[in-house]
Each structure stands twice: as C-alpha cells, then as structure tokens.
C-alpha atoms as a PDB file:
ATOM      1  CA  MET A   1    -168.253 -49.385  95.592  1.00  0.00           C
ATOM      2  CA  SER A   2    -167.059 -46.371  96.792  1.00  0.00           C
ATOM      3  CA  ALA A   3    -166.407 -43.007  95.402  1.00  0.00           C
ATOM      4  CA  THR A   4    -162.773 -43.575  97.073  1.00  0.00           C
ATOM      5  CA  ASP A   5    -162.130 -46.321  95.241  1.00  0.00           C
ATOM      6  CA  ASP A   6    -161.804 -44.466  92.025  1.00  0.00           C
ATOM      7  CA  PRO A   7    -159.184 -41.401  93.302  1.00  0.00           C
ATOM      8  CA  GLY A   8    -159.420 -39.853  89.485  1.00  0.00           C
ATOM      9  CA  ALA A   9    -163.751 -39.555  90.273  1.00  0.00           C
ATOM     10  CA  ALA A  10    -163.284 -38.294  93.750  1.00  0.00           C
ATOM     11  CA  LEU A  11    -160.634 -35.684  92.459  1.00  0.00           C
ATOM     12  CA  ARG A  12    -163.157 -34.811  89.348  1.00  0.00           C
ATOM     13  CA  LEU A  13    -165.779 -33.954  91.835  1.00  0.00           C
ATOM     14  CA  VAL A  14    -163.416 -32.262  94.184  1.00  0.00           C
ATOM     15  CA  HIS A  15    -162.577 -30.045  91.180  1.00  0.00           C
ATOM     16  CA  GLU A  16    -166.227 -29.815  91.042  1.00  0.00           C
ATOM     17  CA  VAL A  17    -166.903 -28.351  94.149  1.00  0.00           C
ATOM     18  CA  ARG A  18    -163.840 -25.701  93.861  1.00  0.00           C
ATOM     19  CA  ARG A  19    -165.159 -24.501  90.602  1.00  0.00           C
ATOM     20  CA  LEU A  20    -168.148 -24.041  91.656  1.00  0.00           C
ATOM     21  CA  THR A  21    -167.193 -22.335  94.934  1.00  0.00           C
ATOM     22  CA  VAL A  22    -164.943 -20.299  92.482  1.00  0.00           C
ATOM     23  CA  GLU A  23    -167.925 -19.063  89.807  1.00  0.00           C
ATOM     24  CA  LEU A  24    -169.935 -17.937  93.261  1.00  0.00           C
ATOM     25  CA  ASP A  25    -166.916 -16.123  94.695  1.00  0.00           C
ATOM     26  CA  ARG A  26    -166.866 -14.070  91.415  1.00  0.00           C
ATOM     27  CA  PHE A  27    -170.765 -13.821  91.594  1.00  0.00           C
ATOM     28  CA  GLY A  28    -170.380 -12.348  95.073  1.00  0.00           C
ATOM     29  CA  ALA A  29    -167.602 -10.228  94.554  1.00  0.00           C
ATOM     30  CA  ALA A  30    -169.449  -9.002  91.195  1.00  0.00           C
ATOM     31  CA  PHE A  31    -172.356  -7.637  93.614  1.00  0.00           C
ATOM     32  CA  ALA A  32    -170.023  -6.530  96.234  1.00  0.00           C
ATOM     33  CA  SER A  33    -168.215  -4.258  94.433  1.00  0.00           C
ATOM     34  CA  ARG A  34    -171.182  -2.772  92.107  1.00  0.00           C
ATOM     35  CA  ASN A  35    -172.635  -2.188  95.397  1.00  0.00           C
ATOM     36  CA  GLY A  36    -169.336  -0.369  97.583  1.00  0.00           C
ATOM     37  CA  LEU A  37    -169.057  -3.797  99.807  1.00  0.00           C
ATOM     38  CA  HIS A  38    -166.107  -5.453 100.903  1.00  0.00           C
ATOM     39  CA  ALA A  39    -165.900  -9.108 100.586  1.00  0.00           C
ATOM     40  CA  THR A  40    -166.648  -9.076 104.605  1.00  0.00           C
ATOM     41  CA  ASP A  41    -169.548  -7.044 104.539  1.00  0.00           C
ATOM     42  CA  LEU A  42    -171.185  -9.452 102.024  1.00  0.00           C
ATOM     43  CA  CYS A  43    -169.810 -12.421 103.795  1.00  0.00           C
ATOM     44  CA  ALA A  44    -171.551 -10.433 107.061  1.00  0.00           C
ATOM     45  CA  LEU A  45    -175.118 -10.216 105.622  1.00  0.00           C
ATOM     46  CA  ILE A  46    -175.136 -13.844 104.312  1.00  0.00           C
ATOM     47  CA  ALA A  47    -174.586 -14.915 108.195  1.00  0.00           C
ATOM     48  CA  LEU A  48    -177.250 -11.941 109.146  1.00  0.00           C
ATOM     49  CA  LEU A  49    -179.572 -13.986 106.622  1.00  0.00           C
ATOM     50  CA  ASP A  50    -178.964 -17.233 107.747  1.00  0.00           C
ATOM     51  CA  ALA A  51    -178.976 -16.221 111.265  1.00  0.00           C
ATOM     52  CA  ASP A  52    -182.536 -14.700 110.816  1.00  0.00           C
ATOM     53  CA  ARG A  53    -183.972 -17.491 108.950  1.00  0.00           C
ATOM     54  CA  ALA A  54    -182.614 -20.020 111.907  1.00  0.00           C
ATOM     55  CA  GLY A  55    -183.932 -18.136 114.051  1.00  0.00           C
ATOM     56  CA  ILE A  56    -180.895 -17.080 115.917  1.00  0.00           C
ATOM     57  CA  ALA A  57    -180.432 -13.912 117.741  1.00  0.00           C
ATOM     58  CA  ALA A  58    -177.516 -12.735 116.192  1.00  0.00           C
ATOM     59  CA  THR A  59    -175.612  -9.915 117.955  1.00  0.00           C
ATOM     60  CA  PRO A  60    -172.136  -8.399 117.353  1.00  0.00           C
ATOM     61  CA  GLY A  61    -170.369 -10.835 119.182  1.00  0.00           C
ATOM     62  CA  TRP A  62    -172.200 -13.840 117.459  1.00  0.00           C
ATOM     63  CA  LEU A  63    -171.082 -12.095 114.598  1.00  0.00           C
ATOM     64  CA  GLY A  64    -167.394 -11.428 115.112  1.00  0.00           C
ATOM     65  CA  GLY A  65    -167.216 -15.019 115.964  1.00  0.00           C
ATOM     66  CA  GLN A  66    -169.088 -16.364 112.417  1.00  0.00           C
ATOM     67  CA  LEU A  67    -166.224 -14.120 110.750  1.00  0.00           C
ATOM     68  CA  ASP A  68    -163.003 -14.841 112.981  1.00  0.00           C
ATOM     69  CA  LEU A  69    -163.024 -10.839 113.725  1.00  0.00           C
ATOM     70  CA  GLY A  70    -161.718  -9.583 117.064  1.00  0.00           C
ATOM     71  CA  SER A  71    -164.635  -6.755 118.453  1.00  0.00           C
ATOM     72  CA  ALA A  72    -162.776  -3.640 116.857  1.00  0.00           C
ATOM     73  CA  ALA A  73    -163.301  -5.312 113.230  1.00  0.00           C
ATOM     74  CA  THR A  74    -166.921  -6.405 113.988  1.00  0.00           C
ATOM     75  CA  THR A  75    -167.381  -2.885 115.321  1.00  0.00           C
ATOM     76  CA  ALA A  76    -166.051  -1.345 112.317  1.00  0.00           C
ATOM     77  CA  LEU A  77    -167.882  -3.612 109.848  1.00  0.00           C
ATOM     78  CA  LEU A  78    -171.022  -2.776 111.497  1.00  0.00           C
ATOM     79  CA  ASP A  79    -170.668   0.847 111.539  1.00  0.00           C
ATOM     80  CA  ARG A  80    -169.872   0.516 107.580  1.00  0.00           C
ATOM     81  CA  LEU A  81    -172.452  -1.715 106.977  1.00  0.00           C
ATOM     82  CA  GLU A  82    -175.182   0.589 109.198  1.00  0.00           C
ATOM     83  CA  ARG A  83    -174.329   3.944 107.355  1.00  0.00           C
ATOM     84  CA  ALA A  84    -174.581   2.054 104.187  1.00  0.00           C
ATOM     85  CA  GLY A  85    -178.352   1.592 105.354  1.00  0.00           C
ATOM     86  CA  HIS A  86    -178.110  -2.539 105.345  1.00  0.00           C
ATOM     87  CA  ILE A  87    -178.559  -2.880 108.794  1.00  0.00           C
ATOM     88  CA  GLY A  88    -179.881  -1.786 111.948  1.00  0.00           C
ATOM     89  CA  ARG A  89    -178.705  -2.600 115.981  1.00  0.00           C
ATOM     90  CA  THR A  90    -181.665  -2.556 118.345  1.00  0.00           C
ATOM     91  CA  PRO A  91    -181.454  -3.377 122.161  1.00  0.00           C
ATOM     92  CA  ASP A  92    -182.563  -7.047 122.666  1.00  0.00           C
ATOM     93  CA  PRO A  93    -186.108  -6.560 124.464  1.00  0.00           C
ATOM     94  CA  GLY A  94    -184.952  -9.823 126.606  1.00  0.00           C
ATOM     95  CA  ASP A  95    -181.825  -8.623 127.441  1.00  0.00           C
ATOM     96  CA  ARG A  96    -181.236  -4.441 127.354  1.00  0.00           C
ATOM     97  CA  ARG A  97    -177.768  -4.896 127.362  1.00  0.00           C
ATOM     98  CA  ARG A  98    -177.353  -6.440 124.006  1.00  0.00           C
ATOM     99  CA  VAL A  99    -177.906  -5.612 121.298  1.00  0.00           C
ATOM    100  CA  LEU A 100    -179.314  -7.360 117.742  1.00  0.00           C
ATOM    101  CA  LEU A 101    -178.302  -7.434 114.366  1.00  0.00           C
ATOM    102  CA  ARG A 102    -180.866  -7.126 111.551  1.00  0.00           C
ATOM    103  CA  VAL A 103    -180.426  -6.560 107.740  1.00  0.00           C
ATOM    104  CA  GLN A 104    -182.791  -4.079 107.012  1.00  0.00           C
ATOM    105  CA  GLU A 105    -185.479  -4.552 103.992  1.00  0.00           C
ATOM    106  CA  GLN A 106    -183.890  -2.290 101.242  1.00  0.00           C
ATOM    107  CA  ALA A 107    -180.259  -4.659 101.647  1.00  0.00           C
ATOM    108  CA  LYS A 108    -182.482  -7.704 101.458  1.00  0.00           C
ATOM    109  CA  TYR A 109    -184.086  -5.982  97.915  1.00  0.00           C
ATOM    110  CA  LEU A 110    -180.812  -5.069  96.721  1.00  0.00           C
ATOM    111  CA  GLY A 111    -179.636  -8.758  97.155  1.00  0.00           C
ATOM    112  CA  TRP A 112    -182.442 -10.445  95.912  1.00  0.00           C
ATOM    113  CA  SER A 113    -182.606  -7.998  92.389  1.00  0.00           C
ATOM    114  CA  PHE A 114    -178.927  -9.349  92.086  1.00  0.00           C
ATOM    115  CA  PHE A 115    -178.859 -13.047  92.987  1.00  0.00           C
ATOM    116  CA  GLY A 116    -182.694 -13.876  92.633  1.00  0.00           C
ATOM    117  CA  PRO A 117    -181.968 -14.606  88.804  1.00  0.00           C
ATOM    118  CA  LEU A 118    -179.328 -16.942  89.930  1.00  0.00           C
ATOM    119  CA  ILE A 119    -181.521 -18.681  93.041  1.00  0.00           C
ATOM    120  CA  GLY A 120    -184.204 -19.457  89.946  1.00  0.00           C
ATOM    121  CA  ARG A 121    -181.742 -21.073  87.670  1.00  0.00           C
ATOM    122  CA  MET A 122    -180.492 -22.601  90.574  1.00  0.00           C
ATOM    123  CA  ILE A 123    -184.103 -24.172  91.828  1.00  0.00           C
ATOM    124  CA  ALA A 124    -184.547 -25.154  88.327  1.00  0.00           C
ATOM    125  CA  SER A 125    -181.517 -27.046  87.811  1.00  0.00           C
ATOM    126  CA  ILE A 126    -182.663 -28.852  91.286  1.00  0.00           C
ATOM    127  CA  GLY A 127    -185.423 -29.883  89.850  1.00  0.00           C
ATOM    128  CA  GLU A 128    -184.059 -32.207  87.190  1.00  0.00           C
ATOM    129  CA  PHE A 129    -182.824 -34.307  90.101  1.00  0.00           C
ATOM    130  CA  ASP A 130    -185.309 -36.729  92.053  1.00  0.00           C
ATOM    131  CA  GLU A 131    -185.921 -37.013  95.818  1.00  0.00           C
ATOM    132  CA  ALA A 132    -183.115 -39.455  96.647  1.00  0.00           C
ATOM    133  CA  GLU A 133    -180.254 -37.750  94.103  1.00  0.00           C
ATOM    134  CA  LEU A 134    -181.136 -34.160  96.111  1.00  0.00           C
ATOM    135  CA  ALA A 135    -180.821 -36.504  99.363  1.00  0.00           C
ATOM    136  CA  ALA A 136    -177.205 -37.827  98.375  1.00  0.00           C
ATOM    137  CA  VAL A 137    -176.409 -34.337  96.985  1.00  0.00           C
ATOM    138  CA  THR A 138    -177.340 -32.883 100.315  1.00  0.00           C
ATOM    139  CA  ARG A 139    -175.077 -35.275 102.563  1.00  0.00           C
ATOM    140  CA  PHE A 140    -172.632 -34.898 100.092  1.00  0.00           C
ATOM    141  CA  LEU A 141    -172.464 -30.672 100.671  1.00  0.00           C
ATOM    142  CA  GLY A 142    -172.914 -31.256 104.317  1.00  0.00           C
ATOM    143  CA  ALA A 143    -169.971 -33.453 104.028  1.00  0.00           C
ATOM    144  CA  MET A 144    -167.992 -31.327 102.095  1.00  0.00           C
ATOM    145  CA  ASN A 145    -168.924 -27.772 104.418  1.00  0.00           C
ATOM    146  CA  GLU A 146    -167.402 -30.550 107.527  1.00  0.00           C
ATOM    147  CA  ALA A 147    -164.616 -31.138 105.692  1.00  0.00           C
ATOM    148  CA  VAL A 148    -163.485 -27.284 104.489  1.00  0.00           C
ATOM    149  CA  GLY A 149    -164.557 -26.186 108.216  1.00  0.00           C
ATOM    150  CA  SER A 150    -162.582 -28.827 109.901  1.00  0.00           C
ATOM    151  CA  ALA A 151    -159.914 -28.139 107.335  1.00  0.00           C
ATOM    152  CA  ALA A 152    -159.957 -24.538 108.225  1.00  0.00           C
ATOM    153  CA  GLY A 153    -159.819 -25.091 112.122  1.00  0.00           C
ATOM    154  CA  GLY A 154    -157.024 -26.975 111.967  1.00  0.00           C
ATOM    155  CA  ALA A 155    -155.000 -24.062 109.489  1.00  0.00           C
ATOM    156  CA  ASP A 156    -155.489 -20.857 111.611  1.00  0.00           C
ATOM    157  CA  GLY A 157    -156.284 -23.048 115.116  1.00  0.00           C
ATOM    158  CA  SER A 158    -159.292 -21.378 115.816  1.00  0.00           C
ATOM    159  CA  ARG A 159    -161.820 -24.274 115.562  1.00  0.00           C
END
C-alpha cells in the first residue's frame, strides 16, 4: 500500500512538513532579527556553510545562482555580510580572477551559539528512530526537496 492510497494521510504528512518549515523559518527569522541580518543574509550564510561542507568552491556567481539573485544584488549582499564580519573574500589560488567566499569563524560561532541547542534537540530526537526509519525519512525528505525545487522552477521559470 502506498501513501497515496490514503489521501488524508498523505495530506497530513504534507501539513507536518509545512508546519516544520514554518517553525524553522520563524526560528531563523529570530536569529536574523537578533543579529541585524536580512532573511537573504541568513540564506547566504547557510548556502556558504553547506558549500564548505560539500567541498564546493563558493564564488559570488555561484552564490547568486543559489539564491536566484542578480550580480548587483549579490554584490550588495556580500558587501553587507563582509562589513558585518560574517564572510571573507579571497582570491582563488587556482584562478586569481575568481574570488572565493568563506564564512568567518566568528559568524560560525554566532550561528552555533544560537542554533546549537536546537540541533542538539533534533539529534536527540533522531536517536529515537532505527536505521530503516531514518533511511525512509531521508528518502522522503529528498523527494520533498525535489518536489519543491521542481515546483519552484515552474512557478518562476528559472529552474
């Protein structure tokens, strides 16, 4: 039996995902407000941290693409983050024409001090699931990300 055999159950699950998204957005907005950041600033910092973990060389063009920003808006964003001490721009040692972006240690500390307790609670909750359940949840969340990404591309024509 698939989840779509019971439309009510599938819709309840969609509502739970939406509720989690809203709560995470509210939590992130509180962090941004407390630290004088725009919502886009927070998204940029998260994208740069994710890029670092994935070994992706983050450039202004790459970041603009991740956030669907033009070059002028990306430059303004990076100037704001650099002035606040959250990011650094360094020449790419492999191609001196490119600039690489890095989240500064103080910004990582600031983020961890706010989000760390939440992450700890989330990890503790994850510990309540067995390996098979976690595999299913991971597959489910990947499918939801794909669905949202494909719908977002259709909504604005950019993907």
